[in-house]
C-alpha atoms as a PDB file:
ATOM      1  CA  MET A   1      85.702  73.187 106.612  1.00  0.00           C
ATOM      2  CA  PRO A   2      83.071  75.940 106.232  1.00  0.00           C
ATOM      3  CA  GLY A   3      85.655  78.693 105.630  1.00  0.00           C
ATOM      4  CA  ALA A   4      87.095  76.855 102.649  1.00  0.00           C
ATOM      5  CA  GLU A   5      83.681  76.526 101.031  1.00  0.00           C
ATOM      6  CA  ALA A   6      82.973  80.211 101.573  1.00  0.00           C
ATOM      7  CA  ALA A   7      86.362  81.197 100.192  1.00  0.00           C
ATOM      8  CA  GLY A   8      85.823  79.089  97.071  1.00  0.00           C
ATOM      9  CA  GLY A   9      82.431  80.637  96.444  1.00  0.00           C
ATOM     10  CA  ALA A  10      83.761  84.141  97.022  1.00  0.00           C
ATOM     11  CA  SER A  11      86.643  83.498  94.668  1.00  0.00           C
ATOM     12  CA  ALA A  12      84.289  82.428  91.917  1.00  0.00           C
ATOM     13  CA  GLY A  13      82.238  85.580  92.440  1.00  0.00           C
ATOM     14  CA  ARG A  14      85.297  87.786  92.239  1.00  0.00           C
ATOM     15  CA  GLU A  15      86.395  86.116  89.020  1.00  0.00           C
ATOM     16  CA  SER A  16      83.129  86.950  87.287  1.00  0.00           C
ATOM     17  CA  SER A  17      83.194  90.587  88.402  1.00  0.00           C
ATOM     18  CA  ARG A  18      86.856  91.255  87.640  1.00  0.00           C
ATOM     19  CA  SER A  19      87.699  93.502  84.719  1.00  0.00           C
ATOM     20  CA  GLY A  20      90.601  91.298  83.659  1.00  0.00           C
ATOM     21  CA  SER A  21      93.233  93.974  84.204  1.00  0.00           C
ATOM     22  CA  ALA A  22      96.347  92.988  86.122  1.00  0.00           C
ATOM     23  CA  GLY A  23      97.351  96.612  86.604  1.00  0.00           C
ATOM     24  CA  ASN A  24      97.022  98.881  89.596  1.00  0.00           C
ATOM     25  CA  GLY A  25      93.416  99.826  88.774  1.00  0.00           C
ATOM     26  CA  GLY A  26      90.639  98.104  90.702  1.00  0.00           C
ATOM     27  CA  ALA A  27      91.376  98.055  94.407  1.00  0.00           C
ATOM     28  CA  ALA A  28      94.152 100.646  94.174  1.00  0.00           C
ATOM     29  CA  SER A  29      91.759 103.359  93.013  1.00  0.00           C
ATOM     30  CA  LYS A  30      89.340 102.596  95.867  1.00  0.00           C
ATOM     31  CA  LYS A  31      91.763 102.849  98.795  1.00  0.00           C
ATOM     32  CA  GLY A  32      94.859 104.733  97.620  1.00  0.00           C
ATOM     33  CA  ALA A  33      98.090 102.862  96.971  1.00  0.00           C
ATOM     34  CA  ARG A  34      97.878  99.090  96.625  1.00  0.00           C
ATOM     35  CA  PRO A  35      99.698  97.287  99.450  1.00  0.00           C
ATOM     36  CA  PRO A  36     102.434  94.776  98.626  1.00  0.00           C
ATOM     37  CA  TYR A  37     101.247  91.221  98.018  1.00  0.00           C
ATOM     38  CA  GLU A  38     102.713  89.873 101.250  1.00  0.00           C
ATOM     39  CA  LYS A  39     101.056  92.550 103.386  1.00  0.00           C
ATOM     40  CA  ALA A  40      97.651  91.997 101.735  1.00  0.00           C
ATOM     41  CA  ARG A  41      97.998  88.208 102.100  1.00  0.00           C
ATOM     42  CA  ASP A  42      98.967  88.458 105.778  1.00  0.00           C
ATOM     43  CA  GLU A  43      96.128  90.857 106.563  1.00  0.00           C
ATOM     44  CA  LEU A  44      93.688  88.559 104.769  1.00  0.00           C
ATOM     45  CA  ALA A  45      94.900  85.567 106.789  1.00  0.00           C
ATOM     46  CA  SER A  46      94.455  87.593 109.989  1.00  0.00           C
ATOM     47  CA  LEU A  47      90.907  88.570 109.004  1.00  0.00           C
ATOM     48  CA  VAL A  48      90.015  84.955 108.308  1.00  0.00           C
ATOM     49  CA  LYS A  49      91.255  83.952 111.773  1.00  0.00           C
ATOM     50  CA  ARG A  50      89.177  86.710 113.381  1.00  0.00           C
ATOM     51  CA  LEU A  51      86.072  85.637 111.486  1.00  0.00           C
ATOM     52  CA  GLU A  52      86.603  81.971 112.302  1.00  0.00           C
ATOM     53  CA  ALA A  53      87.116  82.767 115.996  1.00  0.00           C
ATOM     54  CA  GLY A  54      83.597  84.213 116.144  1.00  0.00           C
ATOM     55  CA  GLY A  55      82.295  86.500 118.861  1.00  0.00           C
ATOM     56  CA  LEU A  56      81.758  89.385 116.454  1.00  0.00           C
ATOM     57  CA  THR A  57      78.576  91.272 115.768  1.00  0.00           C
ATOM     58  CA  LEU A  58      76.937  90.831 112.405  1.00  0.00           C
ATOM     59  CA  GLU A  59      78.085  94.306 111.371  1.00  0.00           C
ATOM     60  CA  GLN A  60      81.691  93.597 112.405  1.00  0.00           C
ATOM     61  CA  SER A  61      81.626  90.303 110.539  1.00  0.00           C
ATOM     62  CA  LEU A  62      80.303  91.972 107.395  1.00  0.00           C
ATOM     63  CA  GLU A  63      82.950  94.700 107.553  1.00  0.00           C
ATOM     64  CA  LEU A  64      85.692  92.104 107.921  1.00  0.00           C
ATOM     65  CA  TRP A  65      84.240  90.043 105.075  1.00  0.00           C
ATOM     66  CA  GLU A  66      84.128  93.095 102.788  1.00  0.00           C
ATOM     67  CA  ARG A  67      87.734  93.985 103.642  1.00  0.00           C
ATOM     68  CA  GLY A  68      88.678  90.364 103.017  1.00  0.00           C
ATOM     69  CA  GLU A  69      87.116  90.548  99.559  1.00  0.00           C
ATOM     70  CA  GLN A  70      89.166  93.678  98.815  1.00  0.00           C
ATOM     71  CA  LEU A  71      92.355  92.008 100.018  1.00  0.00           C
ATOM     72  CA  ALA A  72      91.641  88.849  98.011  1.00  0.00           C
ATOM     73  CA  ASP A  73      91.186  91.000  94.899  1.00  0.00           C
ATOM     74  CA  ILE A  74      94.479  92.782  95.599  1.00  0.00           C
ATOM     75  CA  CYS A  75      96.281  89.454  96.010  1.00  0.00           C
ATOM     76  CA  GLU A  76      94.753  88.148  92.788  1.00  0.00           C
ATOM     77  CA  GLU A  77      95.856  91.287  90.914  1.00  0.00           C
ATOM     78  CA  TRP A  78      99.424  90.799  92.166  1.00  0.00           C
ATOM     79  CA  LEU A  79      99.376  87.143  91.127  1.00  0.00           C
ATOM     80  CA  GLU A  80      97.959  87.955  87.690  1.00  0.00           C
ATOM     81  CA  GLY A  81     100.713  90.530  87.234  1.00  0.00           C
ATOM     82  CA  ALA A  82     103.356  88.016  88.283  1.00  0.00           C
ATOM     83  CA  ARG A  83     101.982  85.445  85.833  1.00  0.00           C
ATOM     84  CA  ALA A  84     102.073  88.008  83.034  1.00  0.00           C
ATOM     85  CA  ARG A  85     105.673  88.969  83.848  1.00  0.00           C
ATOM     86  CA  LEU A  86     106.743  85.322  83.879  1.00  0.00           C
ATOM     87  CA  ALA A  87     104.983  84.615  80.592  1.00  0.00           C
ATOM     88  CA  ALA A  88     106.665  87.647  79.004  1.00  0.00           C
ATOM     89  CA  ALA A  89     110.093  86.579  80.265  1.00  0.00           C
ATOM     90  CA  VAL A  90     109.633  83.024  78.980  1.00  0.00           C
ATOM     91  CA  GLY A  91     108.395  84.392  75.652  1.00  0.00           C
ATOM     92  CA  ARG A  92     111.443  86.642  75.299  1.00  0.00           C
ATOM     93  CA  ARG A  93     113.758  83.738  76.133  1.00  0.00           C
ATOM     94  CA  GLU A  94     112.070  81.462  73.605  1.00  0.00           C
ATOM     95  CA  GLU A  95     112.183  84.223  71.010  1.00  0.00           C
ATOM     96  CA  ARG A  96     115.933  84.734  71.572  1.00  0.00           C
ATOM     97  CA  ALA A  97     116.558  80.975  71.437  1.00  0.00           C
ATOM     98  CA  GLY A  98     114.679  80.709  68.144  1.00  0.00           C
ATOM     99  CA  ARG A  99     116.455  83.746  66.693  1.00  0.00           C
ATOM    100  CA  ASP A 100     119.893  82.457  67.736  1.00  0.00           C
ATOM    101  CA  GLY A 101     119.224  78.988  66.401  1.00  0.00           C
ATOM    102  CA  ALA A 102     119.641  77.598  69.908  1.00  0.00           C
ATOM    103  CA  GLY A 103     116.113  76.250  70.030  1.00  0.00           C
ATOM    104  CA  GLY A 104     117.215  72.703  69.216  1.00  0.00           C
ATOM    105  CA  ALA A 105     120.083  72.810  71.706  1.00  0.00           C
ATOM    106  CA  ALA A 106     117.811  74.088  74.440  1.00  0.00           C
ATOM    107  CA  ALA A 107     115.261  71.383  73.726  1.00  0.00           C
ATOM    108  CA  GLY A 108     117.974  68.722  73.840  1.00  0.00           C
ATOM    109  CA  ALA A 109     119.275  70.052  77.149  1.00  0.00           C
ATOM    110  CA  ALA A 110     115.795  69.879  78.605  1.00  0.00           C
ATOM    111  CA  GLU A 111     115.641  66.175  77.773  1.00  0.00           C
ATOM    112  CA  THR A 112     118.893  65.365  79.602  1.00  0.00           C
ATOM    113  CA  PRO A 113     117.973  62.794  82.288  1.00  0.00           C
ATOM    114  CA  PHE A 114     119.825  64.305  85.263  1.00  0.00           C
END
């Protein structure tokens, strides 16, 4: 599928140009407040459908592509933030378990075969 190949290549390009910050910087500073993840994802999916349907001028296609890149960056920022929050929560839980001496009990419970 041509769209999948283009998306993969675009994703790789975004990764190399990203600053590494999972905060509100990047796309938020360009266009005001950053939309929620779900809204950005849905708009991106809609743009992809419009591009795949064809019938657009070159200029329209380029504008949609550029907006799609912005939306993909926004989605990636949200996902990076979610990963960081999850990692912090797991780290706090592990820290508490180690401090409380429950580390062994938790490990044993994880091995229970049910």
